[in-house]
Protein backbone atom coordinates (compact mmCIF):
# COMPACT_ATOMS: atom_id res chain seq x y z
CA MET A 1 213.26 146.64 114.17
CA ASP A 2 213.05 142.88 114.61
CA ALA A 3 214.83 140.05 112.79
CA THR A 4 211.96 139.41 110.36
CA GLN A 5 211.90 143.02 109.21
CA ILE A 6 215.69 143.10 108.74
CA MET A 7 215.61 139.89 106.69
CA ALA A 8 212.79 141.30 104.55
CA LEU A 9 214.74 144.50 103.90
CA LYS A 10 217.82 142.48 102.96
CA GLU A 11 215.76 140.32 100.62
CA PHE A 12 214.64 143.39 98.68
CA LEU A 13 218.12 144.71 98.00
CA PRO A 14 218.48 145.36 94.27
CA SER A 15 219.95 142.64 92.08
CA ILE A 16 222.50 143.45 89.36
CA GLU A 17 219.77 143.63 86.70
CA GLU A 18 217.63 145.89 88.89
CA ARG A 19 220.62 148.15 89.52
CA ARG A 20 221.24 148.46 85.79
CA GLY A 21 217.58 149.16 85.09
CA LEU A 22 217.29 151.84 87.79
CA SER A 23 220.58 153.47 86.73
CA THR A 24 219.44 153.55 83.09
CA TYR A 25 216.05 154.97 84.10
CA MET A 26 217.61 157.77 86.17
CA LYS A 27 220.15 158.62 83.41
CA THR A 28 217.41 158.93 80.76
CA HIS A 29 215.64 161.58 82.84
CA GLY A 30 218.55 164.01 82.72
CA GLN A 31 221.41 165.13 84.87
CA SER A 32 219.92 168.02 86.79
CA ASP A 33 218.81 167.58 90.40
CA GLU A 34 215.30 168.72 89.56
CA THR A 35 214.79 166.10 86.85
CA LYS A 36 216.36 163.42 89.05
CA MET A 37 213.95 164.29 91.89
CA LYS A 38 211.01 164.19 89.49
CA ALA A 39 212.12 160.78 88.16
CA TYR A 40 212.68 159.56 91.73
CA HIS A 41 209.14 160.56 92.77
CA GLU A 42 207.71 158.66 89.80
CA LEU A 43 209.22 155.42 91.12
CA SER A 44 207.19 153.00 93.25
CA GLU A 45 208.05 152.65 96.95
CA CYS A 46 209.97 149.42 96.30
CA GLU A 47 211.96 151.04 93.47
CA LYS A 48 212.72 154.05 95.69
CA TYR A 49 214.07 151.69 98.34
CA MET A 50 216.21 149.86 95.78
CA PHE A 51 217.54 153.09 94.31
CA THR A 52 218.45 154.41 97.76
CA MET A 53 220.13 151.13 98.75
CA MET A 54 222.21 151.17 95.54
CA GLU A 55 224.23 153.98 97.10
CA VAL A 56 224.91 152.08 100.35
CA SER A 57 228.21 150.22 100.19
CA ASP A 58 228.29 146.66 101.55
CA ALA A 59 224.55 146.72 102.27
CA PRO A 60 224.16 142.89 102.60
CA GLN A 61 226.98 142.73 105.17
CA LYS A 62 225.48 145.66 107.09
CA PHE A 63 222.12 143.90 107.22
CA ASP A 64 223.86 140.75 108.45
CA CYS A 65 225.44 142.77 111.28
CA MET A 66 222.09 144.27 112.20
CA LEU A 67 220.51 140.81 112.19
CA PHE A 68 223.30 139.40 114.37
CA ARG A 69 222.89 142.24 116.82
CA VAL A 70 219.13 141.70 117.11
CA GLN A 71 219.43 137.92 117.48
CA PHE A 72 222.47 137.88 119.79
CA LYS A 73 220.64 138.24 123.12
CA ILE A 74 218.14 135.52 122.27
CA ARG A 75 220.81 133.09 121.06
CA PHE A 76 223.06 133.89 124.00
CA ALA A 77 220.21 133.15 126.43
CA GLU A 78 219.54 129.82 124.68
CA VAL A 79 223.20 128.83 124.85
CA MET A 80 223.45 129.86 128.50
CA GLU A 81 220.43 127.71 129.36
CA SER A 82 222.16 124.73 127.70
CA VAL A 83 225.34 125.52 129.64
CA ARG A 84 223.37 125.58 132.90
CA VAL A 85 221.86 122.18 132.07
CA VAL A 86 225.34 120.74 131.44
CA GLN A 87 226.64 122.30 134.67
CA ARG A 88 223.77 120.75 136.66
CA ALA A 89 224.42 117.35 135.04
CA CYS A 90 228.13 117.57 135.87
CA GLU A 91 227.32 118.45 139.47
CA GLU A 92 224.97 115.47 139.72
CA VAL A 93 227.68 113.17 138.36
CA ARG A 94 230.25 114.64 140.76
CA SER A 95 228.05 114.22 143.82
CA SER A 96 226.48 110.83 143.01
CA GLU A 97 227.37 108.21 145.61
CA ARG A 98 225.64 105.49 143.62
CA LEU A 99 227.79 106.22 140.56
CA ARG A 100 230.91 106.02 142.72
CA GLU A 101 229.82 102.60 143.98
CA ILE A 102 229.13 101.36 140.45
CA LEU A 103 232.50 102.62 139.21
CA ALA A 104 234.20 100.96 142.19
CA ILE A 105 232.47 97.69 141.30
CA ILE A 106 233.61 97.99 137.69
CA LEU A 107 237.19 98.78 138.76
CA THR A 108 237.28 95.81 141.10
CA LEU A 109 235.70 93.52 138.52
CA VAL A 110 238.11 94.57 135.78
CA ASN A 111 241.05 94.16 138.16
CA GLU A 112 239.85 90.70 139.11
CA ILE A 113 239.42 89.73 135.48
CA ASN A 114 242.87 91.09 134.58
CA THR A 115 244.75 89.68 137.58
CA GLY A 116 242.68 86.54 138.09
CA GLY A 117 242.92 87.01 141.80
CA ASP A 118 242.51 89.58 144.48
CA GLY A 119 241.43 92.46 142.23
CA LYS A 120 243.78 95.00 143.80
CA GLY A 121 245.75 96.00 140.71
CA ALA A 122 244.79 99.36 139.26
CA THR A 123 243.58 102.34 141.23
CA GLY A 124 241.63 103.86 138.36
CA PHE A 125 240.50 103.49 134.76
CA SER A 126 239.52 105.64 131.81
CA LEU A 127 235.97 105.80 130.53
CA ASP A 128 237.14 104.07 127.33
CA THR A 129 237.68 100.98 129.48
CA LEU A 130 233.93 100.77 130.06
CA LEU A 131 233.45 100.11 126.36
CA LYS A 132 235.63 97.01 126.68
CA LEU A 133 233.20 95.40 129.14
CA ASP A 134 231.21 94.28 126.12
CA GLU A 135 234.26 92.30 124.91
CA VAL A 136 234.36 90.11 128.02
CA SER A 137 234.26 86.40 127.23
CA HIS A 138 232.39 84.30 129.79
CA GLY A 139 231.30 80.97 128.27
CA ARG A 140 227.70 81.07 129.56
CA ARG A 141 225.33 81.30 126.63
CA TYR A 142 222.21 82.11 128.68
CA MET A 143 223.67 85.42 129.97
CA SER A 144 224.65 88.53 128.10
CA LYS A 145 228.15 89.83 128.76
CA VAL A 146 226.82 92.71 130.84
CA GLN A 147 224.69 90.30 132.88
CA TRP A 148 227.75 88.10 133.39
CA CYS A 149 229.74 91.13 134.62
CA SER A 150 226.90 91.98 136.98
CA HIS A 151 226.70 88.39 138.22
CA THR A 152 230.47 88.25 138.76
CA ALA A 153 230.47 91.59 140.57
CA SER A 154 227.59 90.47 142.75
CA TYR A 155 229.40 87.22 143.58
CA TRP A 156 232.57 89.10 144.39
CA PHE A 157 230.79 91.54 146.67
CA ASP A 158 228.84 88.74 148.36
CA ARG A 159 232.17 87.14 149.29
CA ARG A 160 234.03 90.29 150.32
CA LYS A 161 231.98 93.42 150.90
CA PRO A 162 228.26 93.44 150.02
CA LEU A 163 227.62 96.93 148.63
CA ILE A 164 224.70 95.85 146.48
CA LYS A 165 221.95 93.31 146.97
CA ARG A 166 222.40 90.16 144.91
CA GLN A 167 218.85 90.12 143.51
CA VAL A 168 219.32 93.55 141.93
CA PHE A 169 222.48 92.44 140.17
CA CYS A 170 221.47 88.92 139.08
CA SER A 171 218.09 89.34 137.48
CA THR A 172 218.97 87.36 134.35
CA SER A 173 216.56 85.95 131.87
CA ARG A 174 217.47 82.72 130.17
CA SER A 175 217.39 82.84 126.40
CA TYR A 176 219.15 80.36 124.15
């Protein structure tokens, strides 16, 4: 049985009014087993299903369990694929030399801004610090703050240790 069939069966569980109506119908046809069977056979297939399900305790919860069981493997496979994607992304971040260089530039730049000198203060930073790069004040209206940070980093590395080519870092467009 698949998920669609289980949901359809759950949808056709008898409501309170239908339960009352079926109970009243069965009571009016007598108490003996023979008359009950005769009344049962006169019901439509849908009514037979509802009458039978009236005797099942916690039927909606049981259908939910059946549905969960059928859908579990599919959902688990979907989640595991997402987990594998995240694992691959984490591995790429861990092994990226270019990212290490960029983070080293940011660390040196932030140290230079904070110390105003040699840039050898901190040995690390949190990722929240990256958000503060947008708050840098620079006084040059024709550059965005990120462009100014790039220009400053490029200048610093040109003087000390050129890790990155200046033209990559300083492609600024003037806009007033």
